[in-house]
Amino acid sequence: MRRSASSPRRLTALGSLVIVGVLSFAACTPTPTPTPTQTTAAPTATPTPTPTGPALVPDGSAEDNLPLFAQVVNTVAATDARAQGRAYIDALVAAGFPKAQMQVTNDLTTVGNPADSIQFSVKWAGECLVGQVGPSTPAPTALVLPLVPGDTCLIGQTRPIDW
């Protein structure tokens, strides 16, 4: 069998067409999009908030708890409720002081006028945390004082804390 001279050219041309066709097909085929892999971040520790101010010291002395008592007094004194004894008692209770150990004087005089000052106290570890506010007091006052006769903190008439 005799080969014709055009036969290798036809094979070369045919091979070229096959290569061009394969390349054309490959160019038309969409490139697969890589599937994102999920990564799980290692859990991070949540920072514990640090207290930004004084805290109640349940087993501490009255002196240990004076910073918190004073902060409560100053906070309430800076509000519109600054002349209301109940506002101080409620705020002190919210701060953790025991209501059963508190005393407060009246907000009004016997004739119905606002009191020149109001006092409130917390009996704590054999001593007293005492606060005083009002028009006759230049600034809110918070101090530690000894118990008075009768094992109380305030002298004179106080009002019942019945709320």
C-alpha atoms as a PDB file:
ATOM      1  CA  MET A   1       0.000   0.000   0.000  1.00  0.00           C
ATOM      2  CA  ARG A   2       1.280   3.193  -1.006  1.00  0.00           C
ATOM      3  CA  ARG A   3       0.856   6.281   1.000  1.00  0.00           C
ATOM      4  CA  SER A   4       0.053   9.463  -0.615  1.00  0.00           C
ATOM      5  CA  ALA A   5       2.123  12.503   0.114  1.00  0.00           C
ATOM      6  CA  SER A   6      -0.939  14.324   1.376  1.00  0.00           C
ATOM      7  CA  SER A   7      -1.721  11.794   4.041  1.00  0.00           C
ATOM      8  CA  PRO A   8       0.675  13.114   6.748  1.00  0.00           C
ATOM      9  CA  ARG A   9      -0.573  16.595   6.011  1.00  0.00           C
ATOM     10  CA  ARG A  10      -4.135  15.493   6.486  1.00  0.00           C
ATOM     11  CA  LEU A  11      -3.253  13.893   9.785  1.00  0.00           C
ATOM     12  CA  THR A  12      -1.438  17.031  10.840  1.00  0.00           C
ATOM     13  CA  ALA A  13      -4.380  19.167   9.782  1.00  0.00           C
ATOM     14  CA  LEU A  14      -6.802  16.817  11.483  1.00  0.00           C
ATOM     15  CA  GLY A  15      -4.662  16.816  14.652  1.00  0.00           C
ATOM     16  CA  SER A  16      -4.584  20.588  14.590  1.00  0.00           C
ATOM     17  CA  LEU A  17      -8.368  20.717  14.304  1.00  0.00           C
ATOM     18  CA  VAL A  18      -8.739  18.348  17.249  1.00  0.00           C
ATOM     19  CA  ILE A  19      -6.380  20.443  19.395  1.00  0.00           C
ATOM     20  CA  VAL A  20      -8.138  23.667  18.385  1.00  0.00           C
ATOM     21  CA  GLY A  21     -11.505  22.071  19.150  1.00  0.00           C
ATOM     22  CA  VAL A  22     -10.419  20.834  22.552  1.00  0.00           C
ATOM     23  CA  LEU A  23      -8.958  24.230  23.407  1.00  0.00           C
ATOM     24  CA  SER A  24     -12.119  25.975  22.200  1.00  0.00           C
ATOM     25  CA  PHE A  25     -14.290  23.633  24.263  1.00  0.00           C
ATOM     26  CA  ALA A  26     -12.124  24.216  27.304  1.00  0.00           C
ATOM     27  CA  ALA A  27     -12.427  27.975  26.850  1.00  0.00           C
ATOM     28  CA  CYS A  28     -16.226  27.732  26.793  1.00  0.00           C
ATOM     29  CA  THR A  29     -16.493  25.553  29.869  1.00  0.00           C
ATOM     30  CA  PRO A  30     -17.027  27.606  33.007  1.00  0.00           C
ATOM     31  CA  THR A  31     -14.305  27.397  35.562  1.00  0.00           C
ATOM     32  CA  PRO A  32     -15.658  25.745  38.690  1.00  0.00           C
ATOM     33  CA  THR A  33     -15.936  28.142  41.594  1.00  0.00           C
ATOM     34  CA  PRO A  34     -14.088  26.875  44.601  1.00  0.00           C
ATOM     35  CA  THR A  35     -16.382  26.016  47.468  1.00  0.00           C
ATOM     36  CA  PRO A  36     -15.506  28.103  50.495  1.00  0.00           C
ATOM     37  CA  THR A  37     -14.369  26.098  53.433  1.00  0.00           C
ATOM     38  CA  GLN A  38     -15.837  26.827  56.792  1.00  0.00           C
ATOM     39  CA  THR A  39     -13.419  27.641  59.500  1.00  0.00           C
ATOM     40  CA  THR A  40     -14.408  27.764  63.083  1.00  0.00           C
ATOM     41  CA  ALA A  41     -12.642  30.403  65.067  1.00  0.00           C
ATOM     42  CA  ALA A  42     -11.282  29.290  68.355  1.00  0.00           C
ATOM     43  CA  PRO A  43     -13.482  30.579  71.149  1.00  0.00           C
ATOM     44  CA  THR A  44     -12.061  33.611  72.831  1.00  0.00           C
ATOM     45  CA  ALA A  45     -12.442  34.303  76.486  1.00  0.00           C
ATOM     46  CA  THR A  46     -14.942  37.017  77.301  1.00  0.00           C
ATOM     47  CA  PRO A  47     -13.252  39.565  79.489  1.00  0.00           C
ATOM     48  CA  THR A  48     -14.770  39.951  82.913  1.00  0.00           C
ATOM     49  CA  PRO A  49     -15.797  43.554  83.454  1.00  0.00           C
ATOM     50  CA  THR A  50     -13.929  45.196  86.239  1.00  0.00           C
ATOM     51  CA  PRO A  51     -15.944  47.257  88.671  1.00  0.00           C
ATOM     52  CA  THR A  52     -15.643  50.934  87.869  1.00  0.00           C
ATOM     53  CA  GLY A  53     -16.392  52.196  91.321  1.00  0.00           C
ATOM     54  CA  PRO A  54     -16.785  51.235  94.930  1.00  0.00           C
ATOM     55  CA  ALA A  55     -18.559  48.020  95.802  1.00  0.00           C
ATOM     56  CA  LEU A  56     -20.391  46.763  98.850  1.00  0.00           C
ATOM     57  CA  VAL A  57     -18.133  44.906 101.275  1.00  0.00           C
ATOM     58  CA  PRO A  58     -20.620  42.666 103.125  1.00  0.00           C
ATOM     59  CA  ASP A  59     -18.117  41.533 105.771  1.00  0.00           C
ATOM     60  CA  GLY A  60     -16.384  44.903 105.922  1.00  0.00           C
ATOM     61  CA  SER A  61     -16.633  47.730 108.384  1.00  0.00           C
ATOM     62  CA  ALA A  62     -18.667  50.894 108.020  1.00  0.00           C
ATOM     63  CA  GLU A  63     -15.443  52.607 106.924  1.00  0.00           C
ATOM     64  CA  ASP A  64     -14.960  49.949 104.212  1.00  0.00           C
ATOM     65  CA  ASN A  65     -18.453  50.697 102.887  1.00  0.00           C
ATOM     66  CA  LEU A  66     -18.267  54.483 103.149  1.00  0.00           C
ATOM     67  CA  PRO A  67     -17.059  54.924  99.524  1.00  0.00           C
ATOM     68  CA  LEU A  68     -20.147  53.153  98.149  1.00  0.00           C
ATOM     69  CA  PHE A  69     -22.463  54.943 100.581  1.00  0.00           C
ATOM     70  CA  ALA A  70     -20.970  58.311  99.557  1.00  0.00           C
ATOM     71  CA  GLN A  71     -21.281  57.476  95.872  1.00  0.00           C
ATOM     72  CA  VAL A  72     -24.969  56.655  96.291  1.00  0.00           C
ATOM     73  CA  VAL A  73     -25.544  59.871  98.253  1.00  0.00           C
ATOM     74  CA  ASN A  74     -23.802  61.995  95.611  1.00  0.00           C
ATOM     75  CA  THR A  75     -25.613  60.263  92.763  1.00  0.00           C
ATOM     76  CA  VAL A  76     -29.069  60.870  94.247  1.00  0.00           C
ATOM     77  CA  ALA A  77     -28.136  64.420  95.297  1.00  0.00           C
ATOM     78  CA  ALA A  78     -27.419  65.192  91.634  1.00  0.00           C
ATOM     79  CA  THR A  79     -31.014  64.338  90.598  1.00  0.00           C
ATOM     80  CA  ASP A  80     -34.380  66.037  90.919  1.00  0.00           C
ATOM     81  CA  ALA A  81     -35.134  63.674  93.834  1.00  0.00           C
ATOM     82  CA  ARG A  82     -32.332  65.214  95.943  1.00  0.00           C
ATOM     83  CA  ALA A  83     -34.762  66.410  98.648  1.00  0.00           C
ATOM     84  CA  GLN A  84     -36.619  63.103  98.995  1.00  0.00           C
ATOM     85  CA  GLY A  85     -35.476  60.761 101.741  1.00  0.00           C
ATOM     86  CA  ARG A  86     -37.113  57.816 100.038  1.00  0.00           C
ATOM     87  CA  ALA A  87     -34.882  58.287  96.982  1.00  0.00           C
ATOM     88  CA  TYR A  88     -31.785  57.807  99.162  1.00  0.00           C
ATOM     89  CA  ILE A  89     -33.219  54.771 100.934  1.00  0.00           C
ATOM     90  CA  ASP A  90     -34.242  53.150  97.645  1.00  0.00           C
ATOM     91  CA  ALA A  91     -30.837  53.824  96.085  1.00  0.00           C
ATOM     92  CA  LEU A  92     -29.021  52.455  99.125  1.00  0.00           C
ATOM     93  CA  VAL A  93     -31.151  49.308  99.030  1.00  0.00           C
ATOM     94  CA  ALA A  94     -30.389  48.935  95.303  1.00  0.00           C
ATOM     95  CA  ALA A  95     -26.677  49.190  96.159  1.00  0.00           C
ATOM     96  CA  GLY A  96     -27.056  46.284  98.599  1.00  0.00           C
ATOM     97  CA  PHE A  97     -27.438  47.960 101.972  1.00  0.00           C
ATOM     98  CA  PRO A  98     -30.075  46.311 104.219  1.00  0.00           C
ATOM     99  CA  LYS A  99     -33.268  48.355 104.473  1.00  0.00           C
ATOM    100  CA  ALA A 100     -34.001  46.947 107.940  1.00  0.00           C
ATOM    101  CA  GLN A 101     -30.896  48.750 109.256  1.00  0.00           C
ATOM    102  CA  MET A 102     -31.852  52.183 107.857  1.00  0.00           C
ATOM    103  CA  GLN A 103     -33.363  55.338 109.275  1.00  0.00           C
ATOM    104  CA  VAL A 104     -34.517  58.522 107.534  1.00  0.00           C
ATOM    105  CA  THR A 105     -35.882  61.853 108.714  1.00  0.00           C
ATOM    106  CA  ASN A 106     -38.940  63.595 107.276  1.00  0.00           C
ATOM    107  CA  ASP A 107     -38.732  65.521 104.006  1.00  0.00           C
ATOM    108  CA  LEU A 108     -41.184  68.137 105.311  1.00  0.00           C
ATOM    109  CA  THR A 109     -41.419  70.142 108.508  1.00  0.00           C
ATOM    110  CA  THR A 110     -44.417  69.803 110.823  1.00  0.00           C
ATOM    111  CA  VAL A 111     -46.074  72.738 108.999  1.00  0.00           C
ATOM    112  CA  GLY A 112     -45.524  71.198 105.543  1.00  0.00           C
ATOM    113  CA  ASN A 113     -42.487  73.167 104.366  1.00  0.00           C
ATOM    114  CA  PRO A 114     -39.465  71.415 102.839  1.00  0.00           C
ATOM    115  CA  ALA A 115     -36.994  70.424 105.546  1.00  0.00           C
ATOM    116  CA  ASP A 116     -33.756  72.415 105.722  1.00  0.00           C
ATOM    117  CA  SER A 117     -31.929  69.105 105.658  1.00  0.00           C
ATOM    118  CA  ILE A 118     -32.720  65.435 105.692  1.00  0.00           C
ATOM    119  CA  GLN A 119     -30.620  62.715 107.242  1.00  0.00           C
ATOM    120  CA  PHE A 120     -30.541  59.021 106.508  1.00  0.00           C
ATOM    121  CA  SER A 121     -28.413  56.250 107.895  1.00  0.00           C
ATOM    122  CA  VAL A 122     -27.431  52.616 107.721  1.00  0.00           C
ATOM    123  CA  LYS A 123     -26.433  50.810 110.900  1.00  0.00           C
ATOM    124  CA  TRP A 124     -23.416  48.724 109.906  1.00  0.00           C
ATOM    125  CA  ALA A 125     -21.079  46.554 111.998  1.00  0.00           C
ATOM    126  CA  GLY A 126     -21.645  48.500 115.222  1.00  0.00           C
ATOM    127  CA  GLU A 127     -21.306  51.913 113.575  1.00  0.00           C
ATOM    128  CA  CYS A 128     -23.372  54.217 111.391  1.00  0.00           C
ATOM    129  CA  LEU A 129     -23.087  55.378 107.815  1.00  0.00           C
ATOM    130  CA  VAL A 130     -24.845  58.761 107.923  1.00  0.00           C
ATOM    131  CA  GLY A 131     -25.806  61.029 105.050  1.00  0.00           C
ATOM    132  CA  GLN A 132     -27.159  64.552 105.099  1.00  0.00           C
ATOM    133  CA  VAL A 133     -28.483  66.691 102.247  1.00  0.00           C
ATOM    134  CA  GLY A 134     -30.641  69.763 101.900  1.00  0.00           C
ATOM    135  CA  PRO A 135     -30.583  73.519 101.450  1.00  0.00           C
ATOM    136  CA  SER A 136     -28.820  74.119 104.772  1.00  0.00           C
ATOM    137  CA  THR A 137     -26.102  71.615 103.882  1.00  0.00           C
ATOM    138  CA  PRO A 138     -23.465  73.120 101.559  1.00  0.00           C
ATOM    139  CA  ALA A 139     -22.794  69.769  99.881  1.00  0.00           C
ATOM    140  CA  PRO A 140     -24.011  66.190 100.297  1.00  0.00           C
ATOM    141  CA  THR A 141     -22.336  64.707 103.365  1.00  0.00           C
ATOM    142  CA  ALA A 142     -21.507  61.059 104.034  1.00  0.00           C
ATOM    143  CA  LEU A 143     -19.611  59.916 107.129  1.00  0.00           C
ATOM    144  CA  VAL A 144     -19.106  57.155 109.621  1.00  0.00           C
ATOM    145  CA  LEU A 145     -20.348  57.968 113.123  1.00  0.00           C
ATOM    146  CA  PRO A 146     -20.735  55.942 116.320  1.00  0.00           C
ATOM    147  CA  LEU A 147     -24.074  54.564 117.405  1.00  0.00           C
ATOM    148  CA  VAL A 148     -26.091  56.886 119.631  1.00  0.00           C
ATOM    149  CA  PRO A 149     -27.756  55.818 122.882  1.00  0.00           C
ATOM    150  CA  GLY A 150     -30.588  53.466 122.080  1.00  0.00           C
ATOM    151  CA  ASP A 151     -28.436  51.599 119.533  1.00  0.00           C
ATOM    152  CA  THR A 152     -29.586  53.787 116.644  1.00  0.00           C
ATOM    153  CA  CYS A 153     -27.862  56.152 114.235  1.00  0.00           C
ATOM    154  CA  LEU A 154     -30.104  59.231 114.168  1.00  0.00           C
ATOM    155  CA  ILE A 155     -31.265  61.349 117.087  1.00  0.00           C
ATOM    156  CA  GLY A 156     -34.816  62.673 117.083  1.00  0.00           C
ATOM    157  CA  GLN A 157     -37.900  61.686 115.198  1.00  0.00           C
ATOM    158  CA  THR A 158     -37.492  59.547 112.104  1.00  0.00           C
ATOM    159  CA  ARG A 159     -40.146  58.318 109.757  1.00  0.00           C
ATOM    160  CA  PRO A 160     -41.082  54.694 109.217  1.00  0.00           C
ATOM    161  CA  ILE A 161     -39.511  53.019 106.187  1.00  0.00           C
ATOM    162  CA  ASP A 162     -42.650  51.090 105.288  1.00  0.00           C
ATOM    163  CA  TRP A 163     -42.403  50.880 101.519  1.00  0.00           C
END
